[in-house]
Amino acid sequence: MLRVAMVCPYSISIPGGVQAQVLGLTRELRLLGHEVRVLAPCDGPPPEPFVTPVGNSLPTSANGSVAPLAPDPSAALRTMRALNDEAFDVIHLHEPLVPGPTATALLLQIAPLVGTFHAAGDSGSYRVLNRTARWAAGHLNVRVAVSPAAEELAKRYLDGSYSILYNGIETNRFHLPSESREDSPTIFFCGRHEPRKGLEVLLESMKLLPSNFRLWVASDGPELSRLESLYADDKRIEWLGRITDDEKIRRLNRVTFFCAPSLGGESFGLVLLEAMAAGACLVASDIDGYRQVARHDQDGWLVPSRDPHALADSFVTLWNDEISRRRLVTSGYERAARFSMESLANEYVQIYERLLEDEAMHRLELNTSRLIRRFNDRLLRRPRAAS
């Protein structure tokens, strides 16, 4: 049995791709018999009993987004106390250079460190603080990237070698046979509203769709009130605000289409896998990160980003062609199964075990070297016998 600290810099009680990976991977590792605890900021009650909160988060601007981070000294102290109180075999850091618990654990170095890099696109922090970031990344024993795009970003600024392990999904959680699909064509958008998520493109496409199409928007963000006001006259659009994971899963099992109209900067697209596992027909932007997940006209329908006309045409075409739509759904479900969280957890267990074996061998070599030096020192100090 391994004892693993899973450290996340983002508030674990706020929905997000990294948070979902941290919780899902932890659940799967615990099912495999390992003792794993999540250390993370948490706003409100912990979502799981294995979560150790290290404080509340603060909305922090980073790379064109607003992230729920805890970079304050009190969170650092709680992280240090939690790591010192339990004898973890391995510390697994998600986004290891993000300010907060992961950066604290990285600098503390009280156990072997695995770092998983999720971000893609560009990083102003890596660029501005490049020498410091390189130095800090040098503390990692193992580096993992969730996609080639994430690897490219990390290598561009941090160098080093990376294993690529794609994000995983708890497929059983997302398939609810008891739920039935909506009778009218229904589109679902779910995610924090930031310009790069492309919600405005989807809203523009609604102007081009027939009156029987509906849209559910599960989102929050600083621009959302403006968009709600702008499209208040369109009664086909239902604004849900922030929703729980359970409600998201139920709605994924009821909609016709899940739409991810992102403009770019996505390293992988976990939510695409969630939609496919739930049996929703996927329509998404044709961007690098999403091509890692869905194959056009096989598992989903990929359209040029920033093009509301192409988006609207795709919805109409697929709604009128039930055979093609069902083919995409079936293939998408099979595709999602290939990215199971169980497989990902087993991959990480192998990494942890190899790391611990290497650490044990390194300690053995150091101890052997010390013993040899002491033996030689005693030989040199031993008085020579009289002739």
Foldseek 3Di string as FASTA:
>chain_A
DFEEEEEEFAALQADDDVSVLSVLLCVLLVVVPYHYAYEYAHDDDHPDPRYDHLYFFDFDDWPQHTTGGDQDPSSLVSLVVVPVVDPGQEYEYECQPPHGNSVSCLVVLPHAYEYEFFWFDEGPCCVVCLVVVLVSVVSHPAYEYQAVRRVVHCCVRRNDDYHHAHGFDALVLQADVVAEADPFAEEEEADEDGVQQQPVLQVVLVVVADLRYAYEYEYYDDCVVVVCVVCVVNPSYHYDYHDDPNVVSNVLLHHQEYERQGNDGGQACVVLLSSLSSLHAYEYAPYDNDVNQDDDLQQHHHDHHPHSNRVNVVSVVCVVPVVSSNRNSVRSNVSNVVRHSNVVSVVVVVVSVVSSVVVVVVVVVVVVVVVVVVVVVVVVVDDDDDD
